[in-house]
Protein backbone atom coordinates (compact mmCIF):
# COMPACT_ATOMS: atom_id res chain seq x y z
CA MET A 1 83.74 104.75 88.94
CA PRO A 2 86.79 104.97 85.82
CA HIS A 3 87.80 101.15 86.82
CA ALA A 4 84.28 99.84 85.98
CA THR A 5 83.73 101.39 82.90
CA GLU A 6 87.51 100.53 81.88
CA LEU A 7 87.04 97.13 82.29
CA LEU A 8 83.12 97.36 81.13
CA TYR A 9 84.78 98.52 78.26
CA ALA A 10 87.79 95.89 78.01
CA LEU A 11 85.06 93.03 77.54
CA GLY A 12 83.62 94.38 74.89
CA LEU A 13 80.31 95.69 76.08
CA GLY A 14 81.32 99.61 75.77
CA ASP A 15 77.88 99.80 73.24
CA ASP A 16 75.88 98.91 75.67
CA VAL A 17 77.22 101.92 78.11
CA VAL A 18 75.49 104.00 78.58
CA GLY A 19 76.12 106.62 81.08
CA VAL A 20 79.39 107.21 83.22
CA THR A 21 81.29 109.58 85.95
CA HIS A 22 82.53 112.52 85.13
CA GLU A 23 86.03 111.14 85.92
CA CYS A 24 85.54 108.35 83.22
CA ASP A 25 88.54 109.10 81.05
CA TYR A 26 89.39 105.82 79.54
CA PRO A 27 89.23 104.08 77.01
CA PRO A 28 88.92 107.39 74.96
CA GLN A 29 85.37 106.12 73.55
CA ALA A 30 83.88 107.37 77.07
CA ALA A 31 84.77 110.56 76.46
CA SER A 32 81.32 110.70 74.91
CA VAL A 33 79.26 108.90 77.10
CA PRO A 34 76.77 110.38 78.89
CA LYS A 35 77.84 111.95 82.30
CA VAL A 36 75.97 111.29 85.56
CA THR A 37 77.56 112.42 87.88
CA ARG A 38 80.39 115.63 88.92
CA ASP A 39 82.40 116.84 91.43
CA VAL A 40 81.09 119.53 93.56
CA LEU A 41 85.11 120.67 95.10
CA PRO A 42 86.66 123.61 93.01
CA ALA A 43 89.04 123.47 90.40
CA GLY A 44 92.62 124.55 90.90
CA LEU A 45 93.02 123.31 94.77
CA SER A 46 96.24 122.32 95.75
CA ALA A 47 96.91 118.90 97.34
CA GLY A 48 96.58 120.31 100.60
CA GLU A 49 93.37 121.87 99.95
CA ILE A 50 91.95 119.09 98.62
CA ASP A 51 92.10 117.11 101.88
CA ALA A 52 91.25 119.72 104.39
CA ALA A 53 87.50 120.46 101.68
CA VAL A 54 87.49 116.25 101.36
CA ARG A 55 87.88 116.05 105.44
CA GLU A 56 85.58 118.99 106.05
CA ARG A 57 82.51 117.58 103.95
CA THR A 58 82.78 114.25 105.07
CA GLU A 59 83.04 114.51 108.67
CA ASN A 60 79.90 117.14 107.76
CA GLY A 61 78.07 114.42 106.21
CA GLU A 62 78.79 115.92 103.03
CA ALA A 63 78.92 115.04 99.19
CA ILE A 64 82.26 114.67 97.69
CA TYR A 65 80.25 114.47 94.31
CA LEU A 66 76.44 114.80 92.95
CA LEU A 67 75.13 112.51 90.87
CA ASP A 68 72.87 113.52 88.45
CA GLU A 69 68.83 111.40 89.17
CA GLU A 70 67.06 112.66 86.69
CA ARG A 71 69.42 111.71 83.26
CA LEU A 72 69.90 109.02 85.43
CA ALA A 73 66.37 108.08 85.32
CA GLY A 74 65.91 109.43 81.30
CA LEU A 75 69.32 106.35 80.77
CA ARG A 76 66.90 103.61 82.20
CA PRO A 77 70.35 101.09 83.18
CA ASP A 78 69.69 97.48 83.10
CA LEU A 79 73.30 97.43 85.49
CA ILE A 80 75.09 99.45 87.58
CA VAL A 81 77.84 99.22 88.20
CA THR A 82 79.47 101.30 91.43
CA GLN A 83 81.80 100.81 94.57
CA GLN A 84 82.01 100.68 98.70
CA LEU A 85 85.63 101.02 98.56
CA CYS A 86 85.86 104.77 99.16
CA PRO A 87 84.00 107.77 100.09
CA VAL A 88 86.91 109.98 98.64
CA CYS A 89 86.55 107.75 95.48
CA ALA A 90 83.27 108.63 94.03
CA VAL A 91 79.00 108.73 94.82
CA SER A 92 78.76 106.48 97.73
CA TYR A 93 76.70 102.84 97.67
CA ASP A 94 74.14 103.78 100.09
CA GLU A 95 72.82 107.09 97.32
CA VAL A 96 73.11 105.20 94.01
CA ASP A 97 71.10 102.67 96.02
CA ALA A 98 68.82 104.74 97.28
CA VAL A 99 68.45 106.36 93.65
CA ALA A 100 67.89 102.75 91.96
CA ARG A 101 65.17 102.01 94.11
CA LYS A 102 63.47 104.74 92.21
CA LEU A 103 63.94 103.93 88.94
CA ASP A 104 61.31 101.90 87.02
CA PRO A 105 62.39 99.87 86.15
CA CYS A 106 64.53 99.11 88.91
CA PRO A 107 68.14 98.47 87.76
CA GLU A 108 70.62 95.11 89.45
CA VAL A 109 73.61 97.60 91.42
CA ILE A 110 76.48 95.80 91.88
CA ALA A 111 79.37 97.37 93.80
CA LEU A 112 82.83 96.72 93.25
CA ASP A 113 84.93 96.51 96.56
CA PRO A 114 89.18 94.98 95.59
CA ARG A 115 91.51 95.22 98.13
CA THR A 116 94.29 93.02 96.66
CA LEU A 117 95.22 92.77 92.85
CA GLY A 118 93.44 89.23 92.98
CA GLU A 119 90.05 90.71 94.02
CA THR A 120 90.06 92.40 91.14
CA MET A 121 90.03 89.72 89.41
CA GLY A 122 87.55 88.83 90.88
CA ASP A 123 85.34 91.82 89.59
CA ILE A 124 85.92 90.24 86.19
CA ARG A 125 84.19 87.68 86.58
CA THR A 126 81.03 89.50 88.92
CA ILE A 127 81.40 91.63 85.40
CA ALA A 128 80.55 88.49 83.40
CA LYS A 129 78.17 86.96 85.69
CA ALA A 130 75.36 89.81 85.66
CA THR A 131 76.26 90.08 81.98
CA GLY A 132 76.58 87.24 80.36
CA CYS A 133 79.91 87.36 78.24
CA ARG A 134 82.35 84.45 79.92
CA ASP A 135 84.23 83.71 76.82
CA ALA A 136 85.85 87.61 76.62
CA ALA A 137 86.62 87.54 80.58
CA LEU A 138 87.97 84.23 80.50
CA ASP A 139 90.44 85.72 77.76
CA LEU A 140 90.81 88.89 79.50
CA VAL A 141 92.29 87.09 82.78
CA ALA A 142 93.95 84.80 80.62
CA ARG A 143 95.55 87.99 79.46
CA GLN A 144 96.46 89.64 82.72
CA ARG A 145 97.39 86.33 84.29
CA ALA A 146 100.60 85.39 81.13
CA ARG A 147 101.54 89.17 82.00
CA ILE A 148 102.07 88.81 85.44
CA ASP A 149 103.88 86.25 85.11
CA ARG A 150 106.30 87.51 82.34
CA VAL A 151 107.27 90.20 84.84
CA ARG A 152 107.75 88.12 87.15
CA THR A 153 109.48 85.71 85.01
CA ALA A 154 111.64 89.26 84.34
CA VAL A 155 112.58 89.70 87.47
CA LYS A 156 113.24 86.63 89.54
CA GLY A 157 115.82 86.77 90.97
CA ALA A 158 117.10 90.19 91.12
CA PRO A 159 117.89 91.90 93.86
CA ARG A 160 114.80 93.53 95.87
CA ARG A 161 114.69 97.33 95.68
CA ARG A 162 113.60 99.44 98.50
CA VAL A 163 110.79 101.07 97.44
CA ALA A 164 108.28 103.73 99.19
CA ALA A 165 105.36 104.77 97.23
CA LEU A 166 103.58 108.03 98.41
CA GLU A 167 99.81 108.77 97.37
CA TRP A 168 99.71 111.79 98.53
CA PHE A 169 101.83 114.96 99.96
CA ASP A 170 100.32 116.85 101.76
CA PRO A 171 99.88 115.40 104.34
CA VAL A 172 101.44 112.34 104.10
CA TYR A 173 99.70 108.63 102.85
CA ILE A 174 101.48 105.56 102.04
CA ALA A 175 99.67 103.25 99.53
CA GLY A 176 98.53 100.51 100.76
CA HIS A 177 95.44 98.16 98.96
CA TRP A 178 97.50 96.93 95.43
CA THR A 179 100.17 98.60 95.31
CA PRO A 180 102.42 96.47 97.44
CA GLN A 181 101.52 93.31 95.89
CA LEU A 182 102.35 95.24 92.32
CA ILE A 183 106.00 97.02 94.28
CA GLU A 184 106.91 92.88 95.41
CA MET A 185 105.94 91.40 92.42
CA ALA A 186 107.90 94.10 90.18
CA GLY A 187 111.21 92.97 91.53
CA GLY A 188 110.72 95.21 95.24
CA VAL A 189 110.02 94.99 98.76
CA ASP A 190 107.21 97.88 99.70
CA VAL A 191 108.52 99.74 103.19
CA LEU A 192 106.12 101.58 104.83
CA GLY A 193 102.80 99.67 103.21
CA PHE A 194 100.25 96.21 104.11
CA PRO A 195 98.85 94.41 100.75
CA GLY A 196 94.98 94.61 101.08
CA GLU A 197 94.76 97.74 103.66
CA HIS A 198 93.55 100.73 103.64
CA SER A 199 96.83 103.14 102.58
CA GLU A 200 97.74 105.33 105.69
CA ARG A 201 98.14 108.81 106.96
CA THR A 202 101.99 109.43 107.90
CA ASP A 203 104.76 111.93 107.89
CA MET A 204 108.02 112.01 106.45
CA ALA A 205 110.47 111.19 109.48
CA ALA A 206 108.69 108.03 108.79
CA VAL A 207 109.10 107.66 104.99
CA VAL A 208 112.88 108.89 106.29
CA ALA A 209 112.80 106.32 108.89
CA SER A 210 111.64 103.44 106.42
CA ALA A 211 115.35 103.92 104.34
CA PRO A 212 113.71 103.26 100.55
CA GLU A 213 116.23 103.56 98.56
CA VAL A 214 113.41 104.31 95.24
CA VAL A 215 110.95 106.62 96.04
CA LEU A 216 107.73 106.22 93.73
CA CYS A 217 105.40 109.06 94.15
CA ILE A 218 102.17 108.17 93.36
CA PRO A 219 99.45 110.78 94.23
CA CYS A 220 95.63 109.69 94.13
CA GLY A 221 94.32 110.68 91.12
CA TYR A 222 97.19 112.59 89.50
CA ASP A 223 98.41 111.77 85.62
CA GLY A 224 101.92 112.04 85.26
CA PRO A 225 103.46 115.45 84.44
CA ARG A 226 100.56 116.05 87.72
CA ALA A 227 102.69 113.61 90.14
CA LEU A 228 106.17 114.65 88.35
CA GLU A 229 104.66 118.68 89.48
CA GLU A 230 103.18 117.40 92.64
CA ALA A 231 106.59 115.10 93.37
CA GLU A 232 109.09 118.83 92.78
CA ARG A 233 106.62 120.79 94.77
CA HIS A 234 107.60 118.26 97.40
CA ALA A 235 111.79 118.60 96.60
CA ASP A 236 112.99 118.95 99.85
CA ALA A 237 111.49 116.66 101.85
CA LEU A 238 112.00 114.15 99.23
CA ARG A 239 114.90 115.28 99.24
CA ALA A 240 116.13 113.73 103.37
CA VAL A 241 114.81 111.35 102.33
CA ARG A 242 117.70 110.13 101.04
CA ALA A 243 116.70 107.35 98.10
CA ASP A 244 118.66 106.27 95.05
CA GLN A 245 115.80 107.00 92.80
CA VAL A 246 112.59 109.27 93.03
CA VAL A 247 110.60 107.98 90.25
CA ALA A 248 106.46 109.19 89.49
CA VAL A 249 104.45 107.58 87.39
CA ASP A 250 100.25 108.57 86.45
CA ALA A 251 98.78 107.14 89.31
CA SER A 252 95.42 107.77 87.56
CA ALA A 253 96.13 104.94 85.34
CA TYR A 254 98.10 102.68 86.48
CA PHE A 255 98.22 102.33 90.83
CA SER A 256 94.87 104.35 91.43
CA ARG A 257 92.26 102.35 90.20
CA PRO A 258 91.81 98.28 90.37
CA GLY A 259 91.10 98.23 86.51
CA PRO A 260 92.35 96.27 83.49
CA ARG A 261 95.33 98.85 83.50
CA LEU A 262 96.91 97.64 86.83
CA VAL A 263 98.72 95.05 84.82
CA ASP A 264 99.71 98.36 82.85
CA GLY A 265 101.29 99.62 86.20
CA LEU A 266 103.03 95.94 87.34
CA GLU A 267 105.17 96.43 83.86
CA THR A 268 105.35 99.96 84.33
CA LEU A 269 106.51 99.50 88.14
CA ALA A 270 109.37 96.90 87.16
CA HIS A 271 110.81 98.99 84.23
CA ALA A 272 111.55 101.61 86.74
CA LEU A 273 113.08 99.42 89.61
CA HIS A 274 115.42 96.87 87.06
CA PRO A 275 115.30 98.10 82.89
CA ASP A 276 117.69 95.56 82.96
CA ARG A 277 115.18 93.22 82.76
CA VAL A 278 112.29 94.67 81.60
CA PRO A 279 113.69 98.11 79.06
CA GLU A 280 110.17 98.31 78.07
CA ALA A 281 107.11 100.10 80.15
CA PRO A 282 103.35 100.50 78.64
CA GLY A 283 103.99 104.28 81.32
CA THR A 284 106.09 106.47 81.19
CA VAL A 285 108.63 106.97 84.28
CA TYR A 286 109.28 110.44 85.69
CA PRO A 287 112.89 111.73 87.10
CA VAL A 288 112.37 113.75 89.63
CA ALA A 289 115.47 116.16 89.88
CA LEU A 290 115.85 116.08 93.72
């Protein structure tokens, strides 16, 4: 998982990472590490075409990603970090576990499945226990918590803005899991999503009915420019919401992946909602012209 790769590097374990997924693009050093997965969907699909292809393959019991068993075996890993949270996000845990059992020596397999911000912090401890980097983990957690506290202090007492977070446009999905928590911590109120729950399919009529002041466009897995492009493609639908502000943010870096950069997402979102109180942010906020 990309967020597992980010976490391993954040704990100072980058030199021990011998294989990553084809989507692991952060930190930049991960680009030179052997890739052990690939995407079976063709490139260049629209959001609607991606959704249809994913649904068709999952309903037929077909994989969306393929694992290079031969390359994985050649890397002789001691530990494989995977996930069970989302079948659309990576190779399934069952497949990884089955392949791992064939390897000699058989590596330990850990699945990270956070649904809340607190559980992402727990993942830091899980990896620390498996890799013996307790001090680095304690330091990372302390730094993350300090940054979260600074944001909460900065927006304390500010009028809470009503936010609708859209994780996909065709069809419409509202963001769940940790995103509603990030919105609350950033000085907002999520008018559609529920903390710790799966992202949920809905329609634009429900978004309009929720009367948000801000629409946060974070299509899953898209970077900032592509998120902006996707939002602009659905400008007519977004215009009907009549929100005061519509913004796109790098979802892949700051919202889709439950790794250390969720805190960057929090700071960026706080800047988008309350720029007078949080004047700077690690990420770019792209205004959507409607």
